[in-house]
Amino acid sequence: MELMNIARVRWACRRGMLELDVLFQPFVDSQYETLSDTDKQTFIDLLACEDPELFAWFMGHEVCPDPALREMVNTVRGRPQP
């Protein structure tokens, strides 16, 4: 598995919504490098989702249907998986 380099991950974190930017940028700066390769790929997969979906998941308006992405949403939000 070939992961994105950190500069590309940081660039992918730049979103069209400030609410998402303030979640993703600090997470990448403080925690991304500590993730396993599998979790890094899951985070990259999460970044491939559309902003409206991400906003709904992170704000708790909807639950992400994919269990791995849902767990990553909780990780980024700083909340343990129930």
C-alpha atoms as a PDB file:
ATOM      1  CA  MET A   1       0.000   0.000   0.000  1.00  0.00           C
ATOM      2  CA  GLU A   2       1.453   3.337  -1.041  1.00  0.00           C
ATOM      3  CA  LEU A   3       0.286   6.166   1.163  1.00  0.00           C
ATOM      4  CA  MET A   4       0.148   9.853   0.288  1.00  0.00           C
ATOM      5  CA  ASN A   5       3.032  11.873   1.594  1.00  0.00           C
ATOM      6  CA  ILE A   6       2.241  14.251   4.444  1.00  0.00           C
ATOM      7  CA  ALA A   7       2.281  17.346   2.228  1.00  0.00           C
ATOM      8  CA  ARG A   8      -0.428  15.870   0.003  1.00  0.00           C
ATOM      9  CA  VAL A   9      -2.457  14.854   3.043  1.00  0.00           C
ATOM     10  CA  ARG A  10      -2.242  18.406   4.399  1.00  0.00           C
ATOM     11  CA  TRP A  11      -3.328  19.758   1.017  1.00  0.00           C
ATOM     12  CA  ALA A  12      -6.286  17.311   0.883  1.00  0.00           C
ATOM     13  CA  CYS A  13      -7.351  18.566   4.323  1.00  0.00           C
ATOM     14  CA  ARG A  14      -7.997  22.020   2.891  1.00  0.00           C
ATOM     15  CA  ARG A  15     -11.736  21.948   2.374  1.00  0.00           C
ATOM     16  CA  GLY A  16     -14.439  24.326   1.281  1.00  0.00           C
ATOM     17  CA  MET A  17     -15.862  24.466   4.802  1.00  0.00           C
ATOM     18  CA  LEU A  18     -14.148  26.139   7.726  1.00  0.00           C
ATOM     19  CA  GLU A  19     -15.796  23.653  10.113  1.00  0.00           C
ATOM     20  CA  LEU A  20     -13.935  20.797   8.402  1.00  0.00           C
ATOM     21  CA  ASP A  21     -10.666  22.704   8.139  1.00  0.00           C
ATOM     22  CA  VAL A  22     -10.585  23.285  11.904  1.00  0.00           C
ATOM     23  CA  LEU A  23     -11.044  19.543  12.460  1.00  0.00           C
ATOM     24  CA  PHE A  24      -8.659  18.147   9.873  1.00  0.00           C
ATOM     25  CA  GLN A  25      -5.657  20.475  10.052  1.00  0.00           C
ATOM     26  CA  PRO A  26      -4.985  20.086  13.801  1.00  0.00           C
ATOM     27  CA  PHE A  27      -5.564  16.324  13.566  1.00  0.00           C
ATOM     28  CA  VAL A  28      -3.008  15.948  10.784  1.00  0.00           C
ATOM     29  CA  ASP A  29      -0.518  18.164  12.575  1.00  0.00           C
ATOM     30  CA  SER A  30      -0.786  16.367  15.900  1.00  0.00           C
ATOM     31  CA  GLN A  31      -1.891  12.784  15.272  1.00  0.00           C
ATOM     32  CA  TYR A  32      -1.658  11.633  11.648  1.00  0.00           C
ATOM     33  CA  GLU A  33       1.957  10.454  11.888  1.00  0.00           C
ATOM     34  CA  THR A  34       1.095   8.281  14.912  1.00  0.00           C
ATOM     35  CA  LEU A  35      -1.586   6.323  13.023  1.00  0.00           C
ATOM     36  CA  SER A  36      -0.993   2.837  11.678  1.00  0.00           C
ATOM     37  CA  ASP A  37      -0.671   2.549   7.898  1.00  0.00           C
ATOM     38  CA  THR A  38      -4.179   1.085   7.783  1.00  0.00           C
ATOM     39  CA  ASP A  39      -5.586   4.025   9.734  1.00  0.00           C
ATOM     40  CA  LYS A  40      -3.656   6.478   7.563  1.00  0.00           C
ATOM     41  CA  GLN A  41      -5.298   4.926   4.500  1.00  0.00           C
ATOM     42  CA  THR A  42      -8.697   5.128   6.182  1.00  0.00           C
ATOM     43  CA  PHE A  43      -8.111   8.820   6.880  1.00  0.00           C
ATOM     44  CA  ILE A  44      -7.143   9.350   3.228  1.00  0.00           C
ATOM     45  CA  ASP A  45     -10.312   7.497   2.196  1.00  0.00           C
ATOM     46  CA  LEU A  46     -12.278   9.798   4.494  1.00  0.00           C
ATOM     47  CA  LEU A  47     -10.766  12.833   2.778  1.00  0.00           C
ATOM     48  CA  ALA A  48     -12.078  11.513  -0.551  1.00  0.00           C
ATOM     49  CA  CYS A  49     -15.661  11.961   0.675  1.00  0.00           C
ATOM     50  CA  GLU A  50     -17.731  14.991  -0.248  1.00  0.00           C
ATOM     51  CA  ASP A  51     -17.850  17.981   2.109  1.00  0.00           C
ATOM     52  CA  PRO A  52     -21.633  17.784   2.763  1.00  0.00           C
ATOM     53  CA  GLU A  53     -21.287  14.136   3.840  1.00  0.00           C
ATOM     54  CA  LEU A  54     -18.301  14.912   6.044  1.00  0.00           C
ATOM     55  CA  PHE A  55     -20.073  17.871   7.604  1.00  0.00           C
ATOM     56  CA  ALA A  56     -23.135  15.747   8.424  1.00  0.00           C
ATOM     57  CA  TRP A  57     -20.990  13.001   9.971  1.00  0.00           C
ATOM     58  CA  PHE A  58     -18.761  15.296  11.993  1.00  0.00           C
ATOM     59  CA  MET A  59     -21.634  17.449  13.251  1.00  0.00           C
ATOM     60  CA  GLY A  60     -23.611  14.353  14.246  1.00  0.00           C
ATOM     61  CA  HIS A  61     -26.502  14.978  11.849  1.00  0.00           C
ATOM     62  CA  GLU A  62     -25.952  11.591  10.180  1.00  0.00           C
ATOM     63  CA  VAL A  63     -24.035   8.407  10.944  1.00  0.00           C
ATOM     64  CA  CYS A  64     -21.433   7.311   8.433  1.00  0.00           C
ATOM     65  CA  PRO A  65     -22.548   3.956   6.980  1.00  0.00           C
ATOM     66  CA  ASP A  66     -18.986   2.620   6.617  1.00  0.00           C
ATOM     67  CA  PRO A  67     -17.694   1.270   9.954  1.00  0.00           C
ATOM     68  CA  ALA A  68     -14.019   2.073   9.291  1.00  0.00           C
ATOM     69  CA  LEU A  69     -14.795   5.632   8.203  1.00  0.00           C
ATOM     70  CA  ARG A  70     -17.194   6.033  11.134  1.00  0.00           C
ATOM     71  CA  GLU A  71     -14.424   5.014  13.528  1.00  0.00           C
ATOM     72  CA  MET A  72     -12.053   7.506  11.882  1.00  0.00           C
ATOM     73  CA  VAL A  73     -14.665  10.266  12.223  1.00  0.00           C
ATOM     74  CA  ASN A  74     -14.762   9.502  15.951  1.00  0.00           C
ATOM     75  CA  THR A  75     -10.973   9.448  16.118  1.00  0.00           C
ATOM     76  CA  VAL A  76     -10.669  12.844  14.444  1.00  0.00           C
ATOM     77  CA  ARG A  77     -13.385  14.232  16.701  1.00  0.00           C
ATOM     78  CA  GLY A  78     -11.402  12.914  19.660  1.00  0.00           C
ATOM     79  CA  ARG A  79     -14.156  10.604  20.765  1.00  0.00           C
ATOM     80  CA  PRO A  80     -13.815   6.882  21.358  1.00  0.00           C
ATOM     81  CA  GLN A  81     -15.761   4.458  19.206  1.00  0.00           C
ATOM     82  CA  PRO A  82     -18.915   3.299  21.038  1.00  0.00           C
END
